[in-house]
Amino acid sequence: MPDNKEEIEHLAGISLRQEFGLSTPNDLNSSLDALIAILSKAIAQLLQSQPEKLFQILYRLDVNENIVKAAFKEKAGEELCFTLAQKMVERQIQRIQIRQKYSGKSSEDSHH
């Protein structure tokens, strides 16, 4: 299981890109900023053409409904898309960390 920040961010990026049907770069150095920018564009396209699909993705990723509502209320256009992308990335990283914490314990956990 991943145990460093870069690896967790990379896994989050892969799963989010798959969620949006986007190609996945092979480099581990693809930054979170780049991922957020790509997701932001994909979100903008979905908002225009298939908003229901965007809401399905937000639901599947378990992004807090109140955060989503607040974003739609307070922001618009590129700022809204950027905020939603940020929240998706944050939530996906959190989900991976939680999964990692409660699945197999690493050797360093046995010393506690």
C-alpha atoms as a PDB file:
ATOM      1  CA  MET A   1       0.000   0.000   0.000  1.00  0.00           C
ATOM      2  CA  PRO A   2       1.196   3.515  -0.632  1.00  0.00           C
ATOM      3  CA  ASP A   3       2.729   5.220   2.321  1.00  0.00           C
ATOM      4  CA  ASN A   4       4.282   8.362   0.971  1.00  0.00           C
ATOM      5  CA  LYS A   5       2.592  11.563  -0.066  1.00  0.00           C
ATOM      6  CA  GLU A   6       3.704  11.451  -3.715  1.00  0.00           C
ATOM      7  CA  GLU A   7       2.490   7.897  -4.183  1.00  0.00           C
ATOM      8  CA  ILE A   8      -0.886   8.651  -2.603  1.00  0.00           C
ATOM      9  CA  GLU A   9      -1.266  11.751  -4.792  1.00  0.00           C
ATOM     10  CA  HIS A  10      -0.313   9.711  -7.859  1.00  0.00           C
ATOM     11  CA  LEU A  11      -2.934   7.055  -7.045  1.00  0.00           C
ATOM     12  CA  ALA A  12      -5.537   9.762  -6.471  1.00  0.00           C
ATOM     13  CA  GLY A  13      -4.638  11.259  -9.851  1.00  0.00           C
ATOM     14  CA  ILE A  14      -4.966   7.935 -11.641  1.00  0.00           C
ATOM     15  CA  SER A  15      -8.353   7.142 -10.113  1.00  0.00           C
ATOM     16  CA  LEU A  16      -9.720  10.636 -10.765  1.00  0.00           C
ATOM     17  CA  ARG A  17      -8.528  10.611 -14.362  1.00  0.00           C
ATOM     18  CA  GLN A  18     -10.216   7.239 -14.835  1.00  0.00           C
ATOM     19  CA  GLU A  19     -13.399   8.614 -13.302  1.00  0.00           C
ATOM     20  CA  PHE A  20     -13.438  11.337 -15.965  1.00  0.00           C
ATOM     21  CA  GLY A  21     -12.227   9.093 -18.781  1.00  0.00           C
ATOM     22  CA  LEU A  22      -8.988  11.056 -19.136  1.00  0.00           C
ATOM     23  CA  SER A  23      -5.658   9.585 -20.186  1.00  0.00           C
ATOM     24  CA  THR A  24      -3.159   8.914 -17.424  1.00  0.00           C
ATOM     25  CA  PRO A  25       0.416  10.174 -17.686  1.00  0.00           C
ATOM     26  CA  ASN A  26       3.074   7.616 -16.828  1.00  0.00           C
ATOM     27  CA  ASP A  27       5.267   9.989 -14.875  1.00  0.00           C
ATOM     28  CA  LEU A  28       5.017  10.001 -11.112  1.00  0.00           C
ATOM     29  CA  ASN A  29       5.922  13.678 -11.148  1.00  0.00           C
ATOM     30  CA  SER A  30       2.603  14.855 -12.525  1.00  0.00           C
ATOM     31  CA  SER A  31       1.740  17.549 -10.003  1.00  0.00           C
ATOM     32  CA  LEU A  32      -1.498  18.018  -8.132  1.00  0.00           C
ATOM     33  CA  ASP A  33      -1.767  21.468  -9.681  1.00  0.00           C
ATOM     34  CA  ALA A  34      -1.634  19.922 -13.153  1.00  0.00           C
ATOM     35  CA  LEU A  35      -4.241  17.348 -12.133  1.00  0.00           C
ATOM     36  CA  ILE A  36      -6.552  20.044 -10.756  1.00  0.00           C
ATOM     37  CA  ALA A  37      -6.168  22.067 -13.955  1.00  0.00           C
ATOM     38  CA  ILE A  38      -7.056  19.048 -16.114  1.00  0.00           C
ATOM     39  CA  LEU A  39      -9.999  18.096 -13.906  1.00  0.00           C
ATOM     40  CA  SER A  40     -11.193  21.691 -13.882  1.00  0.00           C
ATOM     41  CA  LYS A  41     -11.425  21.662 -17.690  1.00  0.00           C
ATOM     42  CA  ALA A  42     -13.224  18.304 -17.647  1.00  0.00           C
ATOM     43  CA  ILE A  43     -15.658  19.616 -15.025  1.00  0.00           C
ATOM     44  CA  ALA A  44     -16.355  22.709 -17.158  1.00  0.00           C
ATOM     45  CA  GLN A  45     -17.168  20.479 -20.134  1.00  0.00           C
ATOM     46  CA  LEU A  46     -19.469  18.286 -18.063  1.00  0.00           C
ATOM     47  CA  LEU A  47     -21.239  21.305 -16.582  1.00  0.00           C
ATOM     48  CA  GLN A  48     -22.010  22.454 -20.123  1.00  0.00           C
ATOM     49  CA  SER A  49     -22.947  19.134 -21.680  1.00  0.00           C
ATOM     50  CA  GLN A  50     -23.761  16.562 -18.973  1.00  0.00           C
ATOM     51  CA  PRO A  51     -24.241  18.144 -15.550  1.00  0.00           C
ATOM     52  CA  GLU A  52     -25.956  15.001 -14.242  1.00  0.00           C
ATOM     53  CA  LYS A  53     -22.774  13.012 -14.969  1.00  0.00           C
ATOM     54  CA  LEU A  54     -20.752  15.525 -12.957  1.00  0.00           C
ATOM     55  CA  PHE A  55     -23.092  15.124  -9.992  1.00  0.00           C
ATOM     56  CA  GLN A  56     -22.830  11.331 -10.272  1.00  0.00           C
ATOM     57  CA  ILE A  57     -19.041  11.598 -10.109  1.00  0.00           C
ATOM     58  CA  LEU A  58     -19.206  13.930  -7.100  1.00  0.00           C
ATOM     59  CA  TYR A  59     -21.549  11.466  -5.401  1.00  0.00           C
ATOM     60  CA  ARG A  60     -19.361   8.448  -6.210  1.00  0.00           C
ATOM     61  CA  LEU A  61     -16.288  10.242  -4.902  1.00  0.00           C
ATOM     62  CA  ASP A  62     -18.251  11.058  -1.745  1.00  0.00           C
ATOM     63  CA  VAL A  63     -17.470  14.776  -1.882  1.00  0.00           C
ATOM     64  CA  ASN A  64     -19.381  16.431   0.949  1.00  0.00           C
ATOM     65  CA  GLU A  65     -22.740  17.646  -0.348  1.00  0.00           C
ATOM     66  CA  ASN A  66     -22.579  20.848   1.707  1.00  0.00           C
ATOM     67  CA  ILE A  67     -19.197  21.716   0.202  1.00  0.00           C
ATOM     68  CA  VAL A  68     -20.603  21.163  -3.294  1.00  0.00           C
ATOM     69  CA  LYS A  69     -23.694  23.274  -2.575  1.00  0.00           C
ATOM     70  CA  ALA A  70     -21.578  26.069  -1.123  1.00  0.00           C
ATOM     71  CA  ALA A  71     -19.289  26.033  -4.158  1.00  0.00           C
ATOM     72  CA  PHE A  72     -22.242  26.371  -6.533  1.00  0.00           C
ATOM     73  CA  LYS A  73     -23.728  29.135  -4.420  1.00  0.00           C
ATOM     74  CA  GLU A  74     -20.552  31.194  -3.961  1.00  0.00           C
ATOM     75  CA  LYS A  75     -18.626  30.627  -7.169  1.00  0.00           C
ATOM     76  CA  ALA A  76     -19.162  30.508 -10.919  1.00  0.00           C
ATOM     77  CA  GLY A  77     -17.324  29.720 -14.122  1.00  0.00           C
ATOM     78  CA  GLU A  78     -13.664  28.760 -13.910  1.00  0.00           C
ATOM     79  CA  GLU A  79     -13.523  29.450 -10.176  1.00  0.00           C
ATOM     80  CA  LEU A  80     -16.359  26.963  -9.556  1.00  0.00           C
ATOM     81  CA  CYS A  81     -14.716  24.288 -11.713  1.00  0.00           C
ATOM     82  CA  PHE A  82     -11.365  24.831 -10.002  1.00  0.00           C
ATOM     83  CA  THR A  83     -12.930  24.580  -6.544  1.00  0.00           C
ATOM     84  CA  LEU A  84     -14.794  21.373  -7.423  1.00  0.00           C
ATOM     85  CA  ALA A  85     -11.596  19.879  -8.845  1.00  0.00           C
ATOM     86  CA  GLN A  86      -9.707  20.772  -5.650  1.00  0.00           C
ATOM     87  CA  LYS A  87     -12.395  19.197  -3.479  1.00  0.00           C
ATOM     88  CA  MET A  88     -12.404  16.016  -5.580  1.00  0.00           C
ATOM     89  CA  VAL A  89      -8.634  15.683  -5.289  1.00  0.00           C
ATOM     90  CA  GLU A  90      -8.670  16.352  -1.528  1.00  0.00           C
ATOM     91  CA  ARG A  91     -11.428  13.799  -1.003  1.00  0.00           C
ATOM     92  CA  GLN A  92      -9.749  11.149  -3.141  1.00  0.00           C
ATOM     93  CA  ILE A  93      -6.467  11.555  -1.244  1.00  0.00           C
ATOM     94  CA  GLN A  94      -8.382  11.302   2.024  1.00  0.00           C
ATOM     95  CA  ARG A  95     -10.150   8.132   0.840  1.00  0.00           C
ATOM     96  CA  ILE A  96      -6.845   6.492  -0.112  1.00  0.00           C
ATOM     97  CA  GLN A  97      -5.325   7.419   3.257  1.00  0.00           C
ATOM     98  CA  ILE A  98      -8.315   6.003   5.123  1.00  0.00           C
ATOM     99  CA  ARG A  99      -8.275   2.811   3.064  1.00  0.00           C
ATOM    100  CA  GLN A 100      -4.545   2.482   3.726  1.00  0.00           C
ATOM    101  CA  LYS A 101      -4.990   3.060   7.450  1.00  0.00           C
ATOM    102  CA  TYR A 102      -7.665   0.402   7.896  1.00  0.00           C
ATOM    103  CA  SER A 103      -6.357  -2.216   5.495  1.00  0.00           C
ATOM    104  CA  GLY A 104      -3.184  -4.210   6.151  1.00  0.00           C
ATOM    105  CA  LYS A 105      -0.968  -2.640   8.759  1.00  0.00           C
ATOM    106  CA  SER A 106       2.585  -1.856   7.751  1.00  0.00           C
ATOM    107  CA  SER A 107       5.559  -3.174   9.724  1.00  0.00           C
ATOM    108  CA  GLU A 108       6.086   0.152  11.474  1.00  0.00           C
ATOM    109  CA  ASP A 109       2.536  -0.014  12.835  1.00  0.00           C
ATOM    110  CA  SER A 110       3.385  -3.189  14.758  1.00  0.00           C
ATOM    111  CA  HIS A 111       5.885  -1.245  16.885  1.00  0.00           C
ATOM    112  CA  HIS A 112       3.164   0.971  18.444  1.00  0.00           C
END
